[in-house]
PDB file of all heavy atoms in Angstrom:
ATOM      1  N   ALA A   1     104.793 142.875   2.935  1.00  0.00           N
ATOM      2  CA  ALA A   1     104.565 141.459   2.648  1.00  0.00           C
ATOM      3  C   ALA A   1     103.522 141.290   1.555  1.00  0.00           C
ATOM      4  O   ALA A   1     103.663 140.435   0.664  1.00  0.00           O
ATOM      5  CB  ALA A   1     104.128 140.726   3.918  1.00  0.00           C
ATOM      6  N   ALA A   2     102.470 142.080   1.581  1.00  0.00           N
ATOM      7  CA  ALA A   2     101.438 142.012   0.543  1.00  0.00           C
ATOM      8  C   ALA A   2     102.022 142.373  -0.820  1.00  0.00           C
ATOM      9  O   ALA A   2     101.722 141.722  -1.838  1.00  0.00           O
ATOM     10  CB  ALA A   2     100.277 142.939   0.891  1.00  0.00           C
ATOM     11  N   ALA A   3     102.869 143.402  -0.857  1.00  0.00           N
ATOM     12  CA  ALA A   3     103.513 143.790  -2.112  1.00  0.00           C
ATOM     13  C   ALA A   3     104.409 142.662  -2.626  1.00  0.00           C
ATOM     14  O   ALA A   3     104.466 142.400  -3.837  1.00  0.00           O
ATOM     15  CB  ALA A   3     104.324 145.072  -1.913  1.00  0.00           C
ATOM     16  N   ALA A   4     105.115 141.970  -1.715  1.00  0.00           N
ATOM     17  CA  ALA A   4     105.980 140.856  -2.110  1.00  0.00           C
ATOM     18  C   ALA A   4     105.157 139.699  -2.671  1.00  0.00           C
ATOM     19  O   ALA A   4     105.557 139.061  -3.657  1.00  0.00           O
ATOM     20  CB  ALA A   4     106.806 140.389  -0.916  1.00  0.00           C
ATOM     21  N   VAL A   5     104.015 139.416  -2.058  1.00  0.00           N
ATOM     22  CA  VAL A   5     103.150 138.337  -2.547  1.00  0.00           C
ATOM     23  C   VAL A   5     102.631 138.659  -3.945  1.00  0.00           C
ATOM     24  O   VAL A   5     102.633 137.812  -4.845  1.00  0.00           O
ATOM     25  CB  VAL A   5     101.976 138.093  -1.572  1.00  0.00           C
ATOM     26  CG1 VAL A   5     100.967 137.129  -2.185  1.00  0.00           C
ATOM     27  CG2 VAL A   5     102.489 137.536  -0.252  1.00  0.00           C
ATOM     28  N   VAL A   6     102.200 139.894  -4.150  1.00  0.00           N
ATOM     29  CA  VAL A   6     101.704 140.299  -5.472  1.00  0.00           C
ATOM     30  C   VAL A   6     102.822 140.194  -6.506  1.00  0.00           C
ATOM     31  O   VAL A   6     102.593 139.748  -7.646  1.00  0.00           O
ATOM     32  CB  VAL A   6     101.139 141.736  -5.419  1.00  0.00           C
ATOM     33  CG1 VAL A   6     100.795 142.231  -6.821  1.00  0.00           C
ATOM     34  CG2 VAL A   6      99.910 141.779  -4.533  1.00  0.00           C
ATOM     35  N   LEU A   7     104.033 140.591  -6.134  1.00  0.00           N
ATOM     36  CA  LEU A   7     105.163 140.480  -7.059  1.00  0.00           C
ATOM     37  C   LEU A   7     105.416 139.027  -7.427  1.00  0.00           C
ATOM     38  O   LEU A   7     105.613 138.696  -8.609  1.00  0.00           O
ATOM     39  CB  LEU A   7     106.417 141.091  -6.417  1.00  0.00           C
ATOM     40  CG  LEU A   7     107.720 140.951  -7.230  1.00  0.00           C
ATOM     41  CD1 LEU A   7     107.601 141.672  -8.563  1.00  0.00           C
ATOM     42  CD2 LEU A   7     108.912 141.472  -6.432  1.00  0.00           C
ATOM     43  N   MET A   8     105.395 138.122  -6.436  1.00  0.00           N
ATOM     44  CA  MET A   8     105.634 136.705  -6.705  1.00  0.00           C
ATOM     45  C   MET A   8     104.564 136.130  -7.623  1.00  0.00           C
ATOM     46  O   MET A   8     104.864 135.371  -8.553  1.00  0.00           O
ATOM     47  CB  MET A   8     105.675 135.924  -5.397  1.00  0.00           C
ATOM     48  CG  MET A   8     106.975 136.058  -4.637  1.00  0.00           C
ATOM     49  SD  MET A   8     108.353 135.281  -5.535  1.00  0.00           S
ATOM     50  CE  MET A   8     107.854 133.563  -5.493  1.00  0.00           C
ATOM     51  N   VAL A   9     103.315 136.457  -7.364  1.00  0.00           N
ATOM     52  CA  VAL A   9     102.229 135.957  -8.209  1.00  0.00           C
ATOM     53  C   VAL A   9     102.381 136.475  -9.638  1.00  0.00           C
ATOM     54  O   VAL A   9     102.220 135.721 -10.613  1.00  0.00           O
ATOM     55  CB  VAL A   9     100.862 136.362  -7.622  1.00  0.00           C
ATOM     56  CG1 VAL A   9      99.736 136.008  -8.593  1.00  0.00           C
ATOM     57  CG2 VAL A   9     100.630 135.670  -6.285  1.00  0.00           C
ATOM     58  N   SER A  10     102.711 137.747  -9.784  1.00  0.00           N
ATOM     59  CA  SER A  10     102.890 138.336 -11.117  1.00  0.00           C
ATOM     60  C   SER A  10     104.036 137.668 -11.866  1.00  0.00           C
ATOM     61  O   SER A  10     103.910 137.357 -13.060  1.00  0.00           O
ATOM     62  CB  SER A  10     103.138 139.844 -10.993  1.00  0.00           C
ATOM     63  OG  SER A  10     102.088 140.481 -10.301  1.00  0.00           O
ATOM     64  N   VAL A  11     105.129 137.451 -11.168  1.00  0.00           N
ATOM     65  CA  VAL A  11     106.277 136.786 -11.785  1.00  0.00           C
ATOM     66  C   VAL A  11     105.908 135.362 -12.196  1.00  0.00           C
ATOM     67  O   VAL A  11     106.259 134.899 -13.291  1.00  0.00           O
ATOM     68  CB  VAL A  11     107.478 136.776 -10.812  1.00  0.00           C
ATOM     69  CG1 VAL A  11     108.583 135.869 -11.325  1.00  0.00           C
ATOM     70  CG2 VAL A  11     108.012 138.189 -10.621  1.00  0.00           C
ATOM     71  N   GLY A  12     105.188 134.655 -11.311  1.00  0.00           N
ATOM     72  CA  GLY A  12     104.788 133.288 -11.624  1.00  0.00           C
ATOM     73  C   GLY A  12     103.906 133.216 -12.852  1.00  0.00           C
ATOM     74  O   GLY A  12     104.078 132.339 -13.712  1.00  0.00           O
ATOM     75  N   VAL A  13     102.963 134.140 -12.974  1.00  0.00           N
ATOM     76  CA  VAL A  13     102.069 134.153 -14.135  1.00  0.00           C
ATOM     77  C   VAL A  13     102.851 134.443 -15.414  1.00  0.00           C
ATOM     78  O   VAL A  13     102.681 133.764 -16.441  1.00  0.00           O
ATOM     79  CB  VAL A  13     100.959 135.208 -13.934  1.00  0.00           C
ATOM     80  CG1 VAL A  13     100.165 135.409 -15.226  1.00  0.00           C
ATOM     81  CG2 VAL A  13     100.028 134.790 -12.807  1.00  0.00           C
ATOM     82  N   LEU A  14     103.726 135.444 -15.359  1.00  0.00           N
ATOM     83  CA  LEU A  14     104.484 135.819 -16.551  1.00  0.00           C
ATOM     84  C   LEU A  14     105.408 134.692 -17.006  1.00  0.00           C
ATOM     85  O   LEU A  14     105.479 134.365 -18.200  1.00  0.00           O
ATOM     86  CB  LEU A  14     105.288 137.094 -16.276  1.00  0.00           C
ATOM     87  CG  LEU A  14     106.004 137.719 -17.478  1.00  0.00           C
ATOM     88  CD1 LEU A  14     105.009 138.036 -18.589  1.00  0.00           C
ATOM     89  CD2 LEU A  14     106.741 138.983 -17.061  1.00  0.00           C
ATOM     90  N   LEU A  15     106.102 134.052 -16.067  1.00  0.00           N
ATOM     91  CA  LEU A  15     107.007 132.964 -16.437  1.00  0.00           C
ATOM     92  C   LEU A  15     106.236 131.732 -16.904  1.00  0.00           C
ATOM     93  O   LEU A  15     106.729 130.979 -17.751  1.00  0.00           O
ATOM     94  CB  LEU A  15     107.911 132.613 -15.251  1.00  0.00           C
ATOM     95  CG  LEU A  15     108.937 133.679 -14.868  1.00  0.00           C
ATOM     96  CD1 LEU A  15     109.856 133.168 -13.767  1.00  0.00           C
ATOM     97  CD2 LEU A  15     109.770 134.104 -16.079  1.00  0.00           C
ATOM     98  N   SER A  16     105.057 131.512 -16.366  1.00  0.00           N
ATOM     99  CA  SER A  16     104.229 130.398 -16.842  1.00  0.00           C
ATOM    100  C   SER A  16     103.857 130.600 -18.308  1.00  0.00           C
ATOM    101  O   SER A  16     103.851 129.644 -19.097  1.00  0.00           O
ATOM    102  CB  SER A  16     102.957 130.278 -15.992  1.00  0.00           C
ATOM    103  OG  SER A  16     103.275 129.966 -14.654  1.00  0.00           O
ATOM    104  N   ILE A  17     103.581 131.839 -18.681  1.00  0.00           N
ATOM    105  CA  ILE A  17     103.267 132.146 -20.078  1.00  0.00           C
ATOM    106  C   ILE A  17     104.485 131.902 -20.967  1.00  0.00           C
ATOM    107  O   ILE A  17     104.382 131.312 -22.057  1.00  0.00           O
ATOM    108  CB  ILE A  17     102.776 133.598 -20.207  1.00  0.00           C
ATOM    109  CG1 ILE A  17     101.448 133.779 -19.465  1.00  0.00           C
ATOM    110  CG2 ILE A  17     102.627 133.991 -21.678  1.00  0.00           C
ATOM    111  CD1 ILE A  17     100.966 135.219 -19.410  1.00  0.00           C
ATOM    112  N   VAL A  18     105.665 132.343 -20.488  1.00  0.00           N
ATOM    113  CA  VAL A  18     106.896 132.143 -21.256  1.00  0.00           C
ATOM    114  C   VAL A  18     107.159 130.654 -21.469  1.00  0.00           C
ATOM    115  O   VAL A  18     107.466 130.211 -22.595  1.00  0.00           O
ATOM    116  CB  VAL A  18     108.089 132.811 -20.544  1.00  0.00           C
ATOM    117  CG1 VAL A  18     109.406 132.416 -21.217  1.00  0.00           C
ATOM    118  CG2 VAL A  18     107.938 134.322 -20.539  1.00  0.00           C
ATOM    119  N   LEU A  19     107.049 129.862 -20.414  1.00  0.00           N
ATOM    120  CA  LEU A  19     107.297 128.427 -20.529  1.00  0.00           C
ATOM    121  C   LEU A  19     106.242 127.750 -21.392  1.00  0.00           C
ATOM    122  O   LEU A  19     106.540 126.788 -22.113  1.00  0.00           O
ATOM    123  CB  LEU A  19     107.336 127.797 -19.136  1.00  0.00           C
ATOM    124  CG  LEU A  19     108.511 128.217 -18.250  1.00  0.00           C
ATOM    125  CD1 LEU A  19     108.345 127.677 -16.834  1.00  0.00           C
ATOM    126  CD2 LEU A  19     109.838 127.750 -18.848  1.00  0.00           C
ATOM    127  N   ALA A  20     104.987 128.225 -21.316  1.00  0.00           N
ATOM    128  CA  ALA A  20     103.931 127.636 -22.151  1.00  0.00           C
ATOM    129  C   ALA A  20     104.157 127.932 -23.628  1.00  0.00           C
ATOM    130  O   ALA A  20     103.817 127.117 -24.491  1.00  0.00           O
ATOM    131  CB  ALA A  20     102.570 128.160 -21.703  1.00  0.00           C
ATOM    132  N   LEU A  21     104.723 129.097 -23.926  1.00  0.00           N
ATOM    133  CA  LEU A  21     105.000 129.460 -25.314  1.00  0.00           C
ATOM    134  C   LEU A  21     106.224 128.735 -25.875  1.00  0.00           C
ATOM    135  O   LEU A  21     106.438 128.748 -27.090  1.00  0.00           O
ATOM    136  CB  LEU A  21     105.215 130.976 -25.430  1.00  0.00           C
ATOM    137  CG  LEU A  21     103.978 131.848 -25.175  1.00  0.00           C
ATOM    138  CD1 LEU A  21     104.361 133.323 -25.208  1.00  0.00           C
ATOM    139  CD2 LEU A  21     102.879 131.560 -26.202  1.00  0.00           C
ATOM    140  N   CYS A  22     106.997 128.132 -24.995  1.00  0.00           N
ATOM    141  CA  CYS A  22     108.204 127.413 -25.426  1.00  0.00           C
ATOM    142  C   CYS A  22     108.157 125.973 -24.923  1.00  0.00           C
ATOM    143  O   CYS A  22     108.965 125.573 -24.060  1.00  0.00           O
ATOM    144  CB  CYS A  22     109.463 128.105 -24.915  1.00  0.00           C
ATOM    145  SG  CYS A  22     109.677 129.793 -25.513  1.00  0.00           S
ATOM    146  N   PRO A  23     107.218 125.178 -25.418  1.00  0.00           N
ATOM    147  CA  PRO A  23     107.111 123.800 -24.931  1.00  0.00           C
ATOM    148  C   PRO A  23     108.268 122.942 -25.427  1.00  0.00           C
ATOM    149  O   PRO A  23     108.937 123.269 -26.406  1.00  0.00           O
ATOM    150  CB  PRO A  23     105.786 123.319 -25.532  1.00  0.00           C
ATOM    151  CG  PRO A  23     105.645 124.116 -26.791  1.00  0.00           C
ATOM    152  CD  PRO A  23     106.228 125.465 -26.475  1.00  0.00           C
ATOM    153  N   SER A  24     108.484 121.859 -24.710  1.00  0.00           N
ATOM    154  CA  SER A  24     109.518 120.911 -25.117  1.00  0.00           C
ATOM    155  C   SER A  24     108.946 119.984 -26.166  1.00  0.00           C
ATOM    156  O   SER A  24     107.868 119.417 -26.001  1.00  0.00           O
ATOM    157  CB  SER A  24     109.999 120.106 -23.904  1.00  0.00           C
ATOM    158  OG  SER A  24     110.956 119.143 -24.283  1.00  0.00           O
ATOM    159  N   ARG A  25     109.646 119.835 -27.268  1.00  0.00           N
ATOM    160  CA  ARG A  25     109.162 118.966 -28.338  1.00  0.00           C
ATOM    161  C   ARG A  25     110.339 118.200 -28.924  1.00  0.00           C
ATOM    162  O   ARG A  25     111.344 118.770 -29.299  1.00  0.00           O
ATOM    163  CB  ARG A  25     108.497 119.773 -29.447  1.00  0.00           C
ATOM    164  CG  ARG A  25     107.974 118.917 -30.605  1.00  0.00           C
ATOM    165  CD  ARG A  25     107.262 119.765 -31.621  1.00  0.00           C
ATOM    166  NE  ARG A  25     106.095 120.427 -31.061  1.00  0.00           N
ATOM    167  CZ  ARG A  25     105.360 121.309 -31.717  1.00  0.00           C
ATOM    168  NH1 ARG A  25     105.659 121.643 -32.948  1.00  0.00           N
ATOM    169  NH2 ARG A  25     104.316 121.872 -31.129  1.00  0.00           N
ATOM    170  N   GLY A  26     110.190 116.895 -28.969  1.00  0.00           N
ATOM    171  CA  GLY A  26     111.242 116.073 -29.540  1.00  0.00           C
ATOM    172  C   GLY A  26     112.271 115.683 -28.503  1.00  0.00           C
ATOM    173  O   GLY A  26     112.406 116.294 -27.450  1.00  0.00           O
ATOM    174  N   VAL A  27     113.013 114.663 -28.785  1.00  0.00           N
ATOM    175  CA  VAL A  27     114.067 114.169 -27.911  1.00  0.00           C
ATOM    176  C   VAL A  27     115.390 114.300 -28.638  1.00  0.00           C
ATOM    177  O   VAL A  27     115.547 113.823 -29.759  1.00  0.00           O
ATOM    178  CB  VAL A  27     113.837 112.702 -27.511  1.00  0.00           C
ATOM    179  CG1 VAL A  27     114.967 112.213 -26.638  1.00  0.00           C
ATOM    180  CG2 VAL A  27     112.493 112.550 -26.806  1.00  0.00           C
ATOM    181  N   MET A  28     116.318 114.969 -28.012  1.00  0.00           N
ATOM    182  CA  MET A  28     117.626 115.150 -28.633  1.00  0.00           C
ATOM    183  C   MET A  28     118.575 114.086 -28.128  1.00  0.00           C
ATOM    184  O   MET A  28     118.741 113.887 -26.929  1.00  0.00           O
ATOM    185  CB  MET A  28     118.185 116.543 -28.306  1.00  0.00           C
ATOM    186  CG  MET A  28     117.445 117.667 -28.993  1.00  0.00           C
ATOM    187  SD  MET A  28     118.218 119.257 -28.694  1.00  0.00           S
ATOM    188  CE  MET A  28     117.876 119.487 -26.972  1.00  0.00           C
ATOM    189  N   LEU A  29     119.196 113.409 -29.052  1.00  0.00           N
ATOM    190  CA  LEU A  29     120.178 112.393 -28.703  1.00  0.00           C
ATOM    191  C   LEU A  29     121.540 112.902 -29.121  1.00  0.00           C
ATOM    192  O   LEU A  29     121.799 113.097 -30.310  1.00  0.00           O
ATOM    193  CB  LEU A  29     119.869 111.073 -29.426  1.00  0.00           C
ATOM    194  CG  LEU A  29     118.497 110.459 -29.113  1.00  0.00           C
ATOM    195  CD1 LEU A  29     118.286 109.227 -29.982  1.00  0.00           C
ATOM    196  CD2 LEU A  29     118.395 110.093 -27.645  1.00  0.00           C
ATOM    197  N   SER A  30     122.404 113.143 -28.146  1.00  0.00           N
ATOM    198  CA  SER A  30     123.741 113.629 -28.477  1.00  0.00           C
ATOM    199  C   SER A  30     124.530 112.514 -29.119  1.00  0.00           C
ATOM    200  O   SER A  30     124.430 111.353 -28.759  1.00  0.00           O
ATOM    201  CB  SER A  30     124.449 114.125 -27.217  1.00  0.00           C
ATOM    202  OG  SER A  30     124.506 113.103 -26.258  1.00  0.00           O
ATOM    203  N   VAL A  31     125.310 112.871 -30.104  1.00  0.00           N
ATOM    204  CA  VAL A  31     126.084 111.899 -30.861  1.00  0.00           C
ATOM    205  C   VAL A  31     127.516 111.938 -30.385  1.00  0.00           C
ATOM    206  O   VAL A  31     128.146 112.991 -30.356  1.00  0.00           O
ATOM    207  CB  VAL A  31     126.022 112.210 -32.373  1.00  0.00           C
ATOM    208  CG1 VAL A  31     126.840 111.207 -33.152  1.00  0.00           C
ATOM    209  CG2 VAL A  31     124.572 112.202 -32.846  1.00  0.00           C
ATOM    210  N   GLU A  32     128.043 110.794 -30.020  1.00  0.00           N
ATOM    211  CA  GLU A  32     129.422 110.718 -29.568  1.00  0.00           C
ATOM    212  C   GLU A  32     130.360 110.819 -30.763  1.00  0.00           C
ATOM    213  O   GLU A  32     130.028 110.455 -31.890  1.00  0.00           O
ATOM    214  CB  GLU A  32     129.672 109.397 -28.834  1.00  0.00           C
ATOM    215  CG  GLU A  32     128.829 109.219 -27.588  1.00  0.00           C
ATOM    216  CD  GLU A  32     129.183 110.201 -26.503  1.00  0.00           C
ATOM    217  OE1 GLU A  32     130.317 110.702 -26.527  1.00  0.00           O
ATOM    218  OE2 GLU A  32     128.319 110.485 -25.661  1.00  0.00           O
ATOM    219  N   GLY A  33     131.542 111.275 -30.447  1.00  0.00           N
ATOM    220  CA  GLY A  33     132.544 111.332 -31.491  1.00  0.00           C
ATOM    221  C   GLY A  33     132.619 112.718 -32.094  1.00  0.00           C
ATOM    222  O   GLY A  33     132.213 113.716 -31.505  1.00  0.00           O
ATOM    223  N   ASP A  34     133.133 112.769 -33.334  1.00  0.00           N
ATOM    224  CA  ASP A  34     133.306 114.047 -34.009  1.00  0.00           C
ATOM    225  C   ASP A  34     131.968 114.562 -34.489  1.00  0.00           C
ATOM    226  O   ASP A  34     131.351 113.994 -35.382  1.00  0.00           O
ATOM    227  CB  ASP A  34     134.269 113.880 -35.188  1.00  0.00           C
ATOM    228  CG  ASP A  34     134.561 115.202 -35.877  1.00  0.00           C
ATOM    229  OD1 ASP A  34     134.275 116.238 -35.260  1.00  0.00           O
ATOM    230  OD2 ASP A  34     135.039 115.168 -37.019  1.00  0.00           O
ATOM    231  N   ASN A  35     131.524 115.629 -33.901  1.00  0.00           N
ATOM    232  CA  ASN A  35     130.236 116.223 -34.285  1.00  0.00           C
ATOM    233  C   ASN A  35     130.522 117.451 -35.123  1.00  0.00           C
ATOM    234  O   ASN A  35     130.292 118.571 -34.729  1.00  0.00           O
ATOM    235  CB  ASN A  35     129.445 116.588 -33.031  1.00  0.00           C
ATOM    236  CG  ASN A  35     127.988 116.817 -33.346  1.00  0.00           C
ATOM    237  OD1 ASN A  35     127.511 116.447 -34.397  1.00  0.00           O
ATOM    238  ND2 ASN A  35     127.285 117.423 -32.393  1.00  0.00           N
ATOM    239  N   SER A  36     131.051 117.232 -36.270  1.00  0.00           N
ATOM    240  CA  SER A  36     131.607 118.307 -37.087  1.00  0.00           C
ATOM    241  C   SER A  36     130.542 119.252 -37.589  1.00  0.00           C
ATOM    242  O   SER A  36     129.854 118.996 -38.567  1.00  0.00           O
ATOM    243  CB  SER A  36     132.372 117.694 -38.269  1.00  0.00           C
ATOM    244  OG  SER A  36     132.954 118.677 -39.048  1.00  0.00           O
ATOM    245  N   GLN A  37     130.384 120.340 -36.903  1.00  0.00           N
ATOM    246  CA  GLN A  37     129.393 121.326 -37.289  1.00  0.00           C
ATOM    247  C   GLN A  37     129.891 122.237 -38.410  1.00  0.00           C
ATOM    248  O   GLN A  37     129.156 123.056 -38.917  1.00  0.00           O
ATOM    249  CB  GLN A  37     129.015 122.193 -36.084  1.00  0.00           C
ATOM    250  CG  GLN A  37     128.015 121.584 -35.132  1.00  0.00           C
ATOM    251  CD  GLN A  37     128.610 120.503 -34.283  1.00  0.00           C
ATOM    252  OE1 GLN A  37     129.616 119.927 -34.633  1.00  0.00           O
ATOM    253  NE2 GLN A  37     127.978 120.180 -33.183  1.00  0.00           N
ATOM    254  N   ALA A  38     131.137 122.109 -38.767  1.00  0.00           N
ATOM    255  CA  ALA A  38     131.712 123.032 -39.732  1.00  0.00           C
ATOM    256  C   ALA A  38     131.037 122.947 -41.087  1.00  0.00           C
ATOM    257  O   ALA A  38     131.105 123.883 -41.874  1.00  0.00           O
ATOM    258  CB  ALA A  38     133.210 122.764 -39.892  1.00  0.00           C
ATOM    259  N   GLN A  39     130.344 121.843 -41.368  1.00  0.00           N
ATOM    260  CA  GLN A  39     129.767 121.653 -42.681  1.00  0.00           C
ATOM    261  C   GLN A  39     128.548 122.543 -42.909  1.00  0.00           C
ATOM    262  O   GLN A  39     128.120 122.728 -44.031  1.00  0.00           O
ATOM    263  CB  GLN A  39     129.369 120.183 -42.865  1.00  0.00           C
ATOM    264  CG  GLN A  39     130.556 119.248 -42.778  1.00  0.00           C
ATOM    265  CD  GLN A  39     130.124 117.796 -42.812  1.00  0.00           C
ATOM    266  OE1 GLN A  39     128.962 117.497 -42.995  1.00  0.00           O
ATOM    267  NE2 GLN A  39     131.079 116.914 -42.632  1.00  0.00           N
ATOM    268  N   THR A  40     127.933 123.025 -41.851  1.00  0.00           N
ATOM    269  CA  THR A  40     126.725 123.829 -42.027  1.00  0.00           C
ATOM    270  C   THR A  40     127.034 125.305 -42.168  1.00  0.00           C
ATOM    271  O   THR A  40     126.755 125.923 -43.184  1.00  0.00           O
ATOM    272  CB  THR A  40     125.787 123.621 -40.837  1.00  0.00           C
ATOM    273  OG1 THR A  40     126.510 123.821 -39.631  1.00  0.00           O
ATOM    274  CG2 THR A  40     125.185 122.247 -40.861  1.00  0.00           C
ATOM    275  N   ILE A  41     127.615 125.883 -41.141  1.00  0.00           N
ATOM    276  CA  ILE A  41     127.846 127.329 -41.166  1.00  0.00           C
ATOM    277  C   ILE A  41     129.330 127.647 -41.192  1.00  0.00           C
ATOM    278  O   ILE A  41     129.760 128.626 -41.785  1.00  0.00           O
ATOM    279  CB  ILE A  41     127.180 127.996 -39.956  1.00  0.00           C
ATOM    280  CG1 ILE A  41     125.671 127.946 -40.141  1.00  0.00           C
ATOM    281  CG2 ILE A  41     127.615 129.423 -39.782  1.00  0.00           C
ATOM    282  CD1 ILE A  41     124.903 128.640 -39.048  1.00  0.00           C
ATOM    283  N   ALA A  42     130.110 126.768 -40.553  1.00  0.00           N
ATOM    284  CA  ALA A  42     131.533 127.077 -40.456  1.00  0.00           C
ATOM    285  C   ALA A  42     132.180 127.131 -41.823  1.00  0.00           C
ATOM    286  O   ALA A  42     133.200 127.781 -42.015  1.00  0.00           O
ATOM    287  CB  ALA A  42     132.235 126.041 -39.583  1.00  0.00           C
ATOM    288  N   SER A  43     131.615 126.402 -42.829  1.00  0.00           N
ATOM    289  CA  SER A  43     132.197 126.426 -44.161  1.00  0.00           C
ATOM    290  C   SER A  43     131.938 127.760 -44.860  1.00  0.00           C
ATOM    291  O   SER A  43     132.596 128.088 -45.834  1.00  0.00           O
ATOM    292  CB  SER A  43     131.614 125.280 -44.999  1.00  0.00           C
ATOM    293  OG  SER A  43     130.205 125.409 -45.085  1.00  0.00           O
TER     294      SER A  43
END
């Protein structure tokens, strides 16, 4: 049980760092209709 607790704490710390390094920024608004991505890379 002690080993499991240490594992959980370690995982929590590591994932907290990952999430902190990847913060959410900006609001994405999906556009209805034809979202033709071909113009950027598909061409």
